[in-house]
Amino acid sequence: INQFAHDEDGLAAEFALVVPLLLIFVLGTIDVGLYAYRVNQAEKATQT
């Protein structure tokens, strides 16, 4: 158990696999929010 817990090679590999997915999720969330904000701006500009 101690050896498994301190197996840094395994953690690094897992981290390398998860980080790209996490970045895509975070940037995708920002992108969707920014898209909705642009839609709102365009609607308001058209009304004005």
All heavy atoms as atom14 arrays in JSON, in Angstrom:
{
  "sequence": "INQFAHDEDGLAAEFALVVPLLLIFVLGTIDVGLYAYRVNQAEKATQT",
  "atom14_mask": [
    [1, 1, 1, 1, 1, 1, 1, 1, 0, 0, 0, 0, 0, 0],
    [1, 1, 1, 1, 1, 1, 1, 1, 0, 0, 0, 0, 0, 0],
    [1, 1, 1, 1, 1, 1, 1, 1, 1, 0, 0, 0, 0, 0],
    [1, 1, 1, 1, 1, 1, 1, 1, 1, 1, 1, 0, 0, 0],
    [1, 1, 1, 1, 1, 0, 0, 0, 0, 0, 0, 0, 0, 0],
    [1, 1, 1, 1, 1, 1, 1, 1, 1, 1, 0, 0, 0, 0],
    [1, 1, 1, 1, 1, 1, 1, 1, 0, 0, 0, 0, 0, 0],
    [1, 1, 1, 1, 1, 1, 1, 1, 1, 0, 0, 0, 0, 0],
    [1, 1, 1, 1, 1, 1, 1, 1, 0, 0, 0, 0, 0, 0],
    [1, 1, 1, 1, 0, 0, 0, 0, 0, 0, 0, 0, 0, 0],
    [1, 1, 1, 1, 1, 1, 1, 1, 0, 0, 0, 0, 0, 0],
    [1, 1, 1, 1, 1, 0, 0, 0, 0, 0, 0, 0, 0, 0],
    [1, 1, 1, 1, 1, 0, 0, 0, 0, 0, 0, 0, 0, 0],
    [1, 1, 1, 1, 1, 1, 1, 1, 1, 0, 0, 0, 0, 0],
    [1, 1, 1, 1, 1, 1, 1, 1, 1, 1, 1, 0, 0, 0],
    [1, 1, 1, 1, 1, 0, 0, 0, 0, 0, 0, 0, 0, 0],
    [1, 1, 1, 1, 1, 1, 1, 1, 0, 0, 0, 0, 0, 0],
    [1, 1, 1, 1, 1, 1, 1, 0, 0, 0, 0, 0, 0, 0],
    [1, 1, 1, 1, 1, 1, 1, 0, 0, 0, 0, 0, 0, 0],
    [1, 1, 1, 1, 1, 1, 1, 0, 0, 0, 0, 0, 0, 0],
    [1, 1, 1, 1, 1, 1, 1, 1, 0, 0, 0, 0, 0, 0],
    [1, 1, 1, 1, 1, 1, 1, 1, 0, 0, 0, 0, 0, 0],
    [1, 1, 1, 1, 1, 1, 1, 1, 0, 0, 0, 0, 0, 0],
    [1, 1, 1, 1, 1, 1, 1, 1, 0, 0, 0, 0, 0, 0],
    [1, 1, 1, 1, 1, 1, 1, 1, 1, 1, 1, 0, 0, 0],
    [1, 1, 1, 1, 1, 1, 1, 0, 0, 0, 0, 0, 0, 0],
    [1, 1, 1, 1, 1, 1, 1, 1, 0, 0, 0, 0, 0, 0],
    [1, 1, 1, 1, 0, 0, 0, 0, 0, 0, 0, 0, 0, 0],
    [1, 1, 1, 1, 1, 1, 1, 0, 0, 0, 0, 0, 0, 0],
    [1, 1, 1, 1, 1, 1, 1, 1, 0, 0, 0, 0, 0, 0],
    [1, 1, 1, 1, 1, 1, 1, 1, 0, 0, 0, 0, 0, 0],
    [1, 1, 1, 1, 1, 1, 1, 0, 0, 0, 0, 0, 0, 0],
    [1, 1, 1, 1, 0, 0, 0, 0, 0, 0, 0, 0, 0, 0],
    [1, 1, 1, 1, 1, 1, 1, 1, 0, 0, 0, 0, 0, 0],
    [1, 1, 1, 1, 1, 1, 1, 1, 1, 1, 1, 1, 0, 0],
    [1, 1, 1, 1, 1, 0, 0, 0, 0, 0, 0, 0, 0, 0],
    [1, 1, 1, 1, 1, 1, 1, 1, 1, 1, 1, 1, 0, 0],
    [1, 1, 1, 1, 1, 1, 1, 1, 1, 1, 1, 0, 0, 0],
    [1, 1, 1, 1, 1, 1, 1, 0, 0, 0, 0, 0, 0, 0],
    [1, 1, 1, 1, 1, 1, 1, 1, 0, 0, 0, 0, 0, 0],
    [1, 1, 1, 1, 1, 1, 1, 1, 1, 0, 0, 0, 0, 0],
    [1, 1, 1, 1, 1, 0, 0, 0, 0, 0, 0, 0, 0, 0],
    [1, 1, 1, 1, 1, 1, 1, 1, 1, 0, 0, 0, 0, 0],
    [1, 1, 1, 1, 1, 1, 1, 1, 1, 0, 0, 0, 0, 0],
    [1, 1, 1, 1, 1, 0, 0, 0, 0, 0, 0, 0, 0, 0],
    [1, 1, 1, 1, 1, 1, 1, 0, 0, 0, 0, 0, 0, 0],
    [1, 1, 1, 1, 1, 1, 1, 1, 1, 0, 0, 0, 0, 0],
    [1, 1, 1, 1, 1, 1, 1, 0, 0, 0, 0, 0, 0, 0]
  ],
  "atom14_positions": [
    [[0.84, -1.21, 0.0], [0.0, 0.0, 0.0], [0.87, 1.25, 0.0], [0.62, 2.21, -0.72], [-0.95, -0.02, 1.21], [-1.97, -1.16, 1.05], [-1.66, 1.33, 1.35], [-2.87, -1.35, 2.26], [0.0, 0.0, 0.0], [0.0, 0.0, 0.0], [0.0, 0.0, 0.0], [0.0, 0.0, 0.0], [0.0, 0.0, 0.0], [0.0, 0.0, 0.0]],
    [[1.92, 1.24, 0.83], [2.83, 2.4, 0.88], [3.51, 2.62, -0.47], [3.68, 3.76, -0.92], [3.87, 2.2, 1.97], [3.28, 2.34, 3.37], [2.26, 3.0, 3.54], [3.91, 1.72, 4.35], [0.0, 0.0, 0.0], [0.0, 0.0, 0.0], [0.0, 0.0, 0.0], [0.0, 0.0, 0.0], [0.0, 0.0, 0.0], [0.0, 0.0, 0.0]],
    [[3.9, 1.52, -1.1], [4.57, 1.65, -2.4], [3.62, 2.22, -3.45], [4.01, 3.06, -4.26], [5.08, 0.27, -2.83], [5.86, 0.3, -4.14], [6.36, -1.09, -4.53], [6.14, -2.06, -3.81], [7.04, -1.16, -5.66], [0.0, 0.0, 0.0], [0.0, 0.0, 0.0], [0.0, 0.0, 0.0], [0.0, 0.0, 0.0], [0.0, 0.0, 0.0]],
    [[2.38, 1.76, -3.41], [1.39, 2.25, -4.38], [1.09, 3.73, -4.15], [0.97, 4.51, -5.1], [0.1, 1.42, -4.25], [-0.98, 1.86, -5.22], [-0.93, 1.45, -6.54], [-2.02, 2.69, -4.79], [-1.92, 1.85, -7.43], [-2.99, 3.09, -5.67], [-2.96, 2.68, -7.0], [0.0, 0.0, 0.0], [0.0, 0.0, 0.0], [0.0, 0.0, 0.0]],
    [[1.01, 4.1, -2.86], [0.68, 5.49, -2.53], [1.78, 6.44, -2.96], [1.53, 7.62, -3.26], [0.41, 5.62, -1.04], [0.0, 0.0, 0.0], [0.0, 0.0, 0.0], [0.0, 0.0, 0.0], [0.0, 0.0, 0.0], [0.0, 0.0, 0.0], [0.0, 0.0, 0.0], [0.0, 0.0, 0.0], [0.0, 0.0, 0.0], [0.0, 0.0, 0.0]],
    [[3.03, 5.95, -3.0], [4.16, 6.8, -3.36], [4.63, 6.57, -4.79], [5.73, 6.99, -5.16], [5.31, 6.57, -2.38], [5.02, 7.04, -0.99], [4.37, 6.24, -0.07], [5.27, 8.23, -0.36], [4.23, 6.89, 1.08], [4.77, 8.12, 0.92], [0.0, 0.0, 0.0], [0.0, 0.0, 0.0], [0.0, 0.0, 0.0], [0.0, 0.0, 0.0]],
    [[3.81, 5.92, -5.58], [4.17, 5.68, -6.97], [3.89, 6.93, -7.8], [2.81, 7.13, -8.33], [3.35, 4.49, -7.51], [3.8, 4.11, -8.92], [4.69, 4.79, -9.46], [3.23, 3.15, -9.47], [0.0, 0.0, 0.0], [0.0, 0.0, 0.0], [0.0, 0.0, 0.0], [0.0, 0.0, 0.0], [0.0, 0.0, 0.0], [0.0, 0.0, 0.0]],
    [[4.89, 7.82, -7.89], [4.72, 9.1, -8.57], [4.58, 8.94, -10.08], [3.98, 9.79, -10.75], [5.89, 10.03, -8.23], [5.96, 10.38, -6.75], [7.1, 11.34, -6.46], [7.84, 11.68, -7.4], [7.24, 11.75, -5.29], [0.0, 0.0, 0.0], [0.0, 0.0, 0.0], [0.0, 0.0, 0.0], [0.0, 0.0, 0.0], [0.0, 0.0, 0.0]],
    [[5.16, 7.91, -10.63], [5.03, 7.68, -12.07], [3.56, 7.48, -12.46], [3.09, 8.02, -13.46], [5.85, 6.46, -12.5], [7.35, 6.72, -12.36], [7.73, 7.9, -12.37], [8.1, 5.74, -12.26], [0.0, 0.0, 0.0], [0.0, 0.0, 0.0], [0.0, 0.0, 0.0], [0.0, 0.0, 0.0], [0.0, 0.0, 0.0], [0.0, 0.0, 0.0]],
    [[2.86, 6.73, -11.65], [1.44, 6.5, -11.92], [0.62, 7.77, -11.8], [-0.25, 8.05, -12.62], [0.0, 0.0, 0.0], [0.0, 0.0, 0.0], [0.0, 0.0, 0.0], [0.0, 0.0, 0.0], [0.0, 0.0, 0.0], [0.0, 0.0, 0.0], [0.0, 0.0, 0.0], [0.0, 0.0, 0.0], [0.0, 0.0, 0.0], [0.0, 0.0, 0.0]],
    [[0.91, 8.56, -10.77], [0.17, 9.82, -10.58], [0.44, 10.79, -11.72], [-0.46, 11.48, -12.2], [0.56, 10.45, -9.25], [0.09, 9.7, -7.99], [0.64, 10.38, -6.75], [-1.43, 9.66, -7.94], [0.0, 0.0, 0.0], [0.0, 0.0, 0.0], [0.0, 0.0, 0.0], [0.0, 0.0, 0.0], [0.0, 0.0, 0.0], [0.0, 0.0, 0.0]],
    [[1.66, 10.86, -12.16], [2.0, 11.77, -13.26], [1.27, 11.38, -14.53], [0.79, 12.23, -15.28], [3.51, 11.75, -13.48], [0.0, 0.0, 0.0], [0.0, 0.0, 0.0], [0.0, 0.0, 0.0], [0.0, 0.0, 0.0], [0.0, 0.0, 0.0], [0.0, 0.0, 0.0], [0.0, 0.0, 0.0], [0.0, 0.0, 0.0], [0.0, 0.0, 0.0]],
    [[1.19, 10.08, -14.78], [0.49, 9.62, -15.99], [-1.0, 9.95, -15.91], [-1.61, 10.41, -16.89], [0.7, 8.12, -16.15], [0.0, 0.0, 0.0], [0.0, 0.0, 0.0], [0.0, 0.0, 0.0], [0.0, 0.0, 0.0], [0.0, 0.0, 0.0], [0.0, 0.0, 0.0], [0.0, 0.0, 0.0], [0.0, 0.0, 0.0], [0.0, 0.0, 0.0]],
    [[-1.57, 9.72, -14.74], [-2.99, 10.04, -14.57], [-3.23, 11.54, -14.71], [-4.21, 11.97, -15.33], [-3.46, 9.54, -13.2], [-3.5, 8.03, -13.08], [-3.82, 7.59, -11.67], [-4.01, 8.46, -10.8], [-3.88, 6.37, -11.44], [0.0, 0.0, 0.0], [0.0, 0.0, 0.0], [0.0, 0.0, 0.0], [0.0, 0.0, 0.0], [0.0, 0.0, 0.0]],
    [[-2.32, 12.32, -14.13], [-2.45, 13.77, -14.21], [-2.38, 14.23, -15.68], [-3.15, 15.1, -16.12], [-1.36, 14.44, -13.39], [-1.45, 15.94, -13.34], [-2.4, 16.56, -12.55], [-0.59, 16.72, -14.1], [-2.49, 17.95, -12.51], [-0.67, 18.1, -14.06], [-1.62, 18.71, -13.27], [0.0, 0.0, 0.0], [0.0, 0.0, 0.0], [0.0, 0.0, 0.0]],
    [[-1.47, 13.66, -16.43], [-1.31, 14.02, -17.84], [-2.55, 13.66, -18.65], [-2.88, 14.34, -19.62], [-0.08, 13.32, -18.42], [0.0, 0.0, 0.0], [0.0, 0.0, 0.0], [0.0, 0.0, 0.0], [0.0, 0.0, 0.0], [0.0, 0.0, 0.0], [0.0, 0.0, 0.0], [0.0, 0.0, 0.0], [0.0, 0.0, 0.0], [0.0, 0.0, 0.0]],
    [[-3.25, 12.62, -18.24], [-4.47, 12.23, -18.95], [-5.65, 13.14, -18.59], [-6.49, 13.44, -19.44], [-4.82, 10.78, -18.62], [-3.9, 9.69, -19.2], [-4.28, 8.34, -18.65], [-3.99, 9.7, -20.72], [0.0, 0.0, 0.0], [0.0, 0.0, 0.0], [0.0, 0.0, 0.0], [0.0, 0.0, 0.0], [0.0, 0.0, 0.0], [0.0, 0.0, 0.0]],
    [[-5.71, 13.57, -17.34], [-6.87, 14.33, -16.85], [-6.8, 15.81, -17.23], [-7.81, 16.43, -17.55], [-7.01, 14.17, -15.33], [-8.05, 15.13, -14.78], [-7.36, 12.73, -14.98], [0.0, 0.0, 0.0], [0.0, 0.0, 0.0], [0.0, 0.0, 0.0], [0.0, 0.0, 0.0], [0.0, 0.0, 0.0], [0.0, 0.0, 0.0], [0.0, 0.0, 0.0]],
    [[-5.58, 16.38, -17.18], [-5.44, 17.83, -17.39], [-6.02, 18.31, -18.72], [-6.77, 19.3, -18.75], [-3.97, 18.26, -17.25], [-3.75, 19.67, -17.8], [-3.56, 18.23, -15.78], [0.0, 0.0, 0.0], [0.0, 0.0, 0.0], [0.0, 0.0, 0.0], [0.0, 0.0, 0.0], [0.0, 0.0, 0.0], [0.0, 0.0, 0.0], [0.0, 0.0, 0.0]],
    [[-5.76, 17.67, -19.87], [-6.35, 18.16, -21.12], [-7.88, 18.17, -21.09], [-8.52, 19.12, -21.57], [-5.83, 17.17, -22.17], [-4.57, 16.63, -21.59], [-4.82, 16.56, -20.12], [0.0, 0.0, 0.0], [0.0, 0.0, 0.0], [0.0, 0.0, 0.0], [0.0, 0.0, 0.0], [0.0, 0.0, 0.0], [0.0, 0.0, 0.0], [0.0, 0.0, 0.0]],
    [[-8.45, 17.13, -20.5], [-9.91, 17.08, -20.4], [-10.44, 18.19, -19.5], [-11.46, 18.81, -19.78], [-10.35, 15.71, -19.87], [-10.0, 14.5, -20.74], [-10.41, 13.22, -20.04], [-10.69, 14.62, -22.09], [0.0, 0.0, 0.0], [0.0, 0.0, 0.0], [0.0, 0.0, 0.0], [0.0, 0.0, 0.0], [0.0, 0.0, 0.0], [0.0, 0.0, 0.0]],
    [[-9.71, 18.44, -18.4], [-10.11, 19.51, -17.49], [-10.04, 20.87, -18.17], [-10.94, 21.7, -18.03], [-9.23, 19.48, -16.24], [-9.53, 20.54, -15.17], [-10.94, 20.35, -14.63], [-8.5, 20.46, -14.04], [0.0, 0.0, 0.0], [0.0, 0.0, 0.0], [0.0, 0.0, 0.0], [0.0, 0.0, 0.0], [0.0, 0.0, 0.0], [0.0, 0.0, 0.0]],
    [[-8.96, 21.1, -18.94], [-8.8, 22.37, -19.64], [-9.91, 22.57, -20.67], [-10.46, 23.66, -20.81], [-7.43, 22.42, -20.32], [-6.23, 22.65, -19.39], [-4.94, 22.58, -20.19], [-6.35, 23.99, -18.68], [0.0, 0.0, 0.0], [0.0, 0.0, 0.0], [0.0, 0.0, 0.0], [0.0, 0.0, 0.0], [0.0, 0.0, 0.0], [0.0, 0.0, 0.0]],
    [[-10.22, 21.53, -21.4], [-11.3, 21.61, -22.4], [-12.63, 21.94, -21.72], [-13.41, 22.77, -22.2], [-11.4, 20.3, -23.2], [-10.18, 20.14, -24.1], [-12.67, 20.27, -24.03], [-10.1, 18.81, -24.81], [0.0, 0.0, 0.0], [0.0, 0.0, 0.0], [0.0, 0.0, 0.0], [0.0, 0.0, 0.0], [0.0, 0.0, 0.0], [0.0, 0.0, 0.0]],
    [[-12.87, 21.29, -20.58], [-14.12, 21.54, -19.85], [-14.18, 22.99, -19.36], [-15.2, 23.67, -19.53], [-14.23, 20.59, -18.66], [-15.43, 20.83, -17.8], [-16.69, 20.42, -18.19], [-15.3, 21.51, -16.58], [-17.8, 20.65, -17.39], [-16.39, 21.75, -15.77], [-17.65, 21.32, -16.19], [0.0, 0.0, 0.0], [0.0, 0.0, 0.0], [0.0, 0.0, 0.0]],
    [[-13.09, 23.48, -18.77], [-13.07, 24.84, -18.23], [-13.19, 25.87, -19.36], [-14.01, 26.8, -19.29], [-11.78, 25.09, -17.42], [-11.66, 26.57, -17.04], [-11.77, 24.22, -16.17], [0.0, 0.0, 0.0], [0.0, 0.0, 0.0], [0.0, 0.0, 0.0], [0.0, 0.0, 0.0], [0.0, 0.0, 0.0], [0.0, 0.0, 0.0], [0.0, 0.0, 0.0]],
    [[-12.38, 25.71, -20.4], [-12.44, 26.65, -21.52], [-13.78, 26.58, -22.25], [-14.31, 27.59, -22.7], [-11.3, 26.37, -22.5], [-9.89, 26.67, -21.99], [-8.85, 26.27, -23.02], [-9.75, 28.14, -21.63], [0.0, 0.0, 0.0], [0.0, 0.0, 0.0], [0.0, 0.0, 0.0], [0.0, 0.0, 0.0], [0.0, 0.0, 0.0], [0.0, 0.0, 0.0]],
    [[-14.32, 25.37, -22.33], [-15.65, 25.22, -22.96], [-16.73, 25.93, -22.17], [-17.62, 26.56, -22.76], [0.0, 0.0, 0.0], [0.0, 0.0, 0.0], [0.0, 0.0, 0.0], [0.0, 0.0, 0.0], [0.0, 0.0, 0.0], [0.0, 0.0, 0.0], [0.0, 0.0, 0.0], [0.0, 0.0, 0.0], [0.0, 0.0, 0.0], [0.0, 0.0, 0.0]],
    [[-16.65, 25.84, -20.84], [-17.61, 26.54, -19.99], [-17.5, 28.06, -20.18], [-18.51, 28.77, -20.31], [-17.38, 26.18, -18.51], [-17.51, 24.77, -18.34], [-18.39, 26.9, -17.62], [0.0, 0.0, 0.0], [0.0, 0.0, 0.0], [0.0, 0.0, 0.0], [0.0, 0.0, 0.0], [0.0, 0.0, 0.0], [0.0, 0.0, 0.0], [0.0, 0.0, 0.0]],
    [[-16.26, 28.55, -20.22], [-16.04, 29.99, -20.47], [-16.58, 30.38, -21.84], [-17.22, 31.42, -22.01], [-14.54, 30.33, -20.36], [-14.06, 30.12, -18.92], [-14.26, 31.75, -20.82], [-12.56, 30.24, -18.74], [0.0, 0.0, 0.0], [0.0, 0.0, 0.0], [0.0, 0.0, 0.0], [0.0, 0.0, 0.0], [0.0, 0.0, 0.0], [0.0, 0.0, 0.0]],
    [[-16.34, 29.52, -22.83], [-16.77, 29.8, -24.2], [-18.29, 29.9, -24.3], [-18.82, 30.79, -24.97], [-16.27, 28.69, -25.13], [-15.91, 29.21, -26.5], [-16.05, 30.43, -26.74], [-15.49, 28.41, -27.35], [0.0, 0.0, 0.0], [0.0, 0.0, 0.0], [0.0, 0.0, 0.0], [0.0, 0.0, 0.0], [0.0, 0.0, 0.0], [0.0, 0.0, 0.0]],
    [[-18.98, 28.99, -23.66], [-20.45, 29.02, -23.69], [-20.97, 30.28, -23.02], [-21.89, 30.94, -23.52], [-21.02, 27.76, -23.0], [-22.52, 27.89, -22.8], [-20.72, 26.52, -23.82], [0.0, 0.0, 0.0], [0.0, 0.0, 0.0], [0.0, 0.0, 0.0], [0.0, 0.0, 0.0], [0.0, 0.0, 0.0], [0.0, 0.0, 0.0], [0.0, 0.0, 0.0]],
    [[-20.36, 30.64, -21.88], [-20.77, 31.87, -21.2], [-20.52, 33.11, -22.04], [-21.34, 34.02, -22.11], [0.0, 0.0, 0.0], [0.0, 0.0, 0.0], [0.0, 0.0, 0.0], [0.0, 0.0, 0.0], [0.0, 0.0, 0.0], [0.0, 0.0, 0.0], [0.0, 0.0, 0.0], [0.0, 0.0, 0.0], [0.0, 0.0, 0.0], [0.0, 0.0, 0.0]],
    [[-19.36, 33.14, -22.71], [-19.02, 34.27, -23.56], [-19.95, 34.35, -24.76], [-20.37, 35.44, -25.18], [-17.56, 34.16, -24.03], [-17.02, 35.31, -24.87], [-17.13, 36.63, -24.11], [-15.58, 35.05, -25.28], [0.0, 0.0, 0.0], [0.0, 0.0, 0.0], [0.0, 0.0, 0.0], [0.0, 0.0, 0.0], [0.0, 0.0, 0.0], [0.0, 0.0, 0.0]],
    [[-20.3, 33.2, -25.32], [-21.24, 33.16, -26.44], [-22.6, 33.72, -26.03], [-23.19, 34.55, -26.74], [-21.39, 31.73, -26.94], [-22.32, 31.57, -28.12], [-21.84, 31.7, -29.42], [-23.67, 31.28, -27.94], [-22.68, 31.56, -30.52], [-24.52, 31.14, -29.02], [-24.02, 31.28, -30.3], [-24.87, 31.14, -31.38], [0.0, 0.0, 0.0], [0.0, 0.0, 0.0]],
    [[-23.08, 33.31, -24.86], [-24.37, 33.81, -24.37], [-24.31, 35.32, -24.13], [-25.27, 36.05, -24.41], [-24.76, 33.08, -23.08], [0.0, 0.0, 0.0], [0.0, 0.0, 0.0], [0.0, 0.0, 0.0], [0.0, 0.0, 0.0], [0.0, 0.0, 0.0], [0.0, 0.0, 0.0], [0.0, 0.0, 0.0], [0.0, 0.0, 0.0], [0.0, 0.0, 0.0]],
    [[-23.18, 35.79, -23.64], [-23.0, 37.23, -23.4], [-23.01, 38.0, -24.73], [-23.62, 39.06, -24.83], [-21.68, 37.46, -22.66], [-21.39, 38.91, -22.37], [-22.2, 39.65, -21.52], [-20.28, 39.54, -22.94], [-21.93, 40.99, -21.24], [-20.0, 40.88, -22.66], [-20.83, 41.59, -21.82], [-20.56, 42.91, -21.55], [0.0, 0.0, 0.0], [0.0, 0.0, 0.0]],
    [[-22.34, 37.46, -25.76], [-22.34, 38.1, -27.08], [-23.75, 38.14, -27.68], [-24.13, 39.12, -28.32], [-21.39, 37.36, -28.02], [-19.94, 37.55, -27.71], [-19.46, 38.95, -28.09], [-18.05, 39.12, -27.79], [-17.58, 39.63, -26.68], [-18.4, 40.04, -25.73], [-16.28, 39.75, -26.48], [0.0, 0.0, 0.0], [0.0, 0.0, 0.0], [0.0, 0.0, 0.0]],
    [[-24.49, 37.07, -27.5], [-25.88, 37.04, -27.99], [-26.69, 38.14, -27.31], [-27.45, 38.87, -27.95], [-26.51, 35.66, -27.76], [-28.02, 35.7, -27.98], [-25.89, 34.62, -28.68], [0.0, 0.0, 0.0], [0.0, 0.0, 0.0], [0.0, 0.0, 0.0], [0.0, 0.0, 0.0], [0.0, 0.0, 0.0], [0.0, 0.0, 0.0], [0.0, 0.0, 0.0]],
    [[-26.52, 38.28, -26.0], [-27.24, 39.31, -25.26], [-26.84, 40.71, -25.73], [-27.69, 41.59, -25.9], [-26.97, 39.16, -23.76], [-27.73, 40.17, -22.92], [-27.19, 41.22, -22.56], [-28.96, 39.86, -22.59], [0.0, 0.0, 0.0], [0.0, 0.0, 0.0], [0.0, 0.0, 0.0], [0.0, 0.0, 0.0], [0.0, 0.0, 0.0], [0.0, 0.0, 0.0]],
    [[-25.54, 40.92, -25.96], [-25.07, 42.21, -26.47], [-25.67, 42.52, -27.84], [-26.1, 43.65, -28.1], [-23.54, 42.2, -26.6], [-22.78, 42.43, -25.3], [-21.29, 42.51, -25.56], [-20.69, 41.56, -26.08], [-20.68, 43.62, -25.22], [0.0, 0.0, 0.0], [0.0, 0.0, 0.0], [0.0, 0.0, 0.0], [0.0, 0.0, 0.0], [0.0, 0.0, 0.0]],
    [[-25.69, 41.52, -28.71], [-26.22, 41.72, -30.06], [-27.71, 42.04, -30.02], [-28.19, 42.91, -30.76], [-25.95, 40.49, -30.92], [0.0, 0.0, 0.0], [0.0, 0.0, 0.0], [0.0, 0.0, 0.0], [0.0, 0.0, 0.0], [0.0, 0.0, 0.0], [0.0, 0.0, 0.0], [0.0, 0.0, 0.0], [0.0, 0.0, 0.0], [0.0, 0.0, 0.0]],
    [[-28.44, 41.35, -29.16], [-29.87, 41.63, -29.03], [-30.1, 43.05, -28.54], [-30.96, 43.78, -29.05], [-30.52, 40.62, -28.07], [-30.63, 39.22, -28.63], [-31.23, 38.25, -27.63], [-31.22, 38.56, -26.41], [-31.69, 37.17, -28.04], [0.0, 0.0, 0.0], [0.0, 0.0, 0.0], [0.0, 0.0, 0.0], [0.0, 0.0, 0.0], [0.0, 0.0, 0.0]],
    [[-29.34, 43.47, -27.54], [-29.49, 44.81, -26.98], [-29.09, 45.87, -28.01], [-29.73, 46.92, -28.12], [-28.66, 44.95, -25.71], [-28.9, 46.25, -24.96], [-30.36, 46.45, -24.59], [-30.84, 45.42, -23.61], [-32.24, 45.65, -23.2], [0.0, 0.0, 0.0], [0.0, 0.0, 0.0], [0.0, 0.0, 0.0], [0.0, 0.0, 0.0], [0.0, 0.0, 0.0]],
    [[-28.02, 45.62, -28.76], [-27.59, 46.57, -29.78], [-28.65, 46.72, -30.87], [-28.9, 47.83, -31.36], [-26.27, 46.1, -30.4], [0.0, 0.0, 0.0], [0.0, 0.0, 0.0], [0.0, 0.0, 0.0], [0.0, 0.0, 0.0], [0.0, 0.0, 0.0], [0.0, 0.0, 0.0], [0.0, 0.0, 0.0], [0.0, 0.0, 0.0], [0.0, 0.0, 0.0]],
    [[-29.29, 45.61, -31.23], [-30.35, 45.66, -32.24], [-31.55, 46.45, -31.74], [-32.11, 47.28, -32.47], [-30.77, 44.23, -32.62], [-29.61, 43.48, -33.01], [-31.74, 44.24, -33.79], [0.0, 0.0, 0.0], [0.0, 0.0, 0.0], [0.0, 0.0, 0.0], [0.0, 0.0, 0.0], [0.0, 0.0, 0.0], [0.0, 0.0, 0.0], [0.0, 0.0, 0.0]],
    [[-31.95, 46.2, -30.51], [-33.07, 46.94, -29.92], [-32.77, 48.44, -29.84], [-33.6, 49.28, -30.18], [-33.39, 46.39, -28.54], [-33.92, 44.97, -28.54], [-33.99, 44.37, -27.15], [-33.72, 45.04, -26.15], [-34.33, 43.09, -27.07], [0.0, 0.0, 0.0], [0.0, 0.0, 0.0], [0.0, 0.0, 0.0], [0.0, 0.0, 0.0], [0.0, 0.0, 0.0]],
    [[-31.56, 48.77, -29.4], [-31.17, 50.17, -29.29], [-31.11, 50.83, -30.66], [-31.52, 51.99, -30.83], [-29.8, 50.29, -28.59], [-29.9, 49.7, -27.29], [-29.36, 51.73, -28.45], [0.0, 0.0, 0.0], [0.0, 0.0, 0.0], [0.0, 0.0, 0.0], [0.0, 0.0, 0.0], [0.0, 0.0, 0.0], [0.0, 0.0, 0.0], [0.0, 0.0, 0.0]]
  ]
}
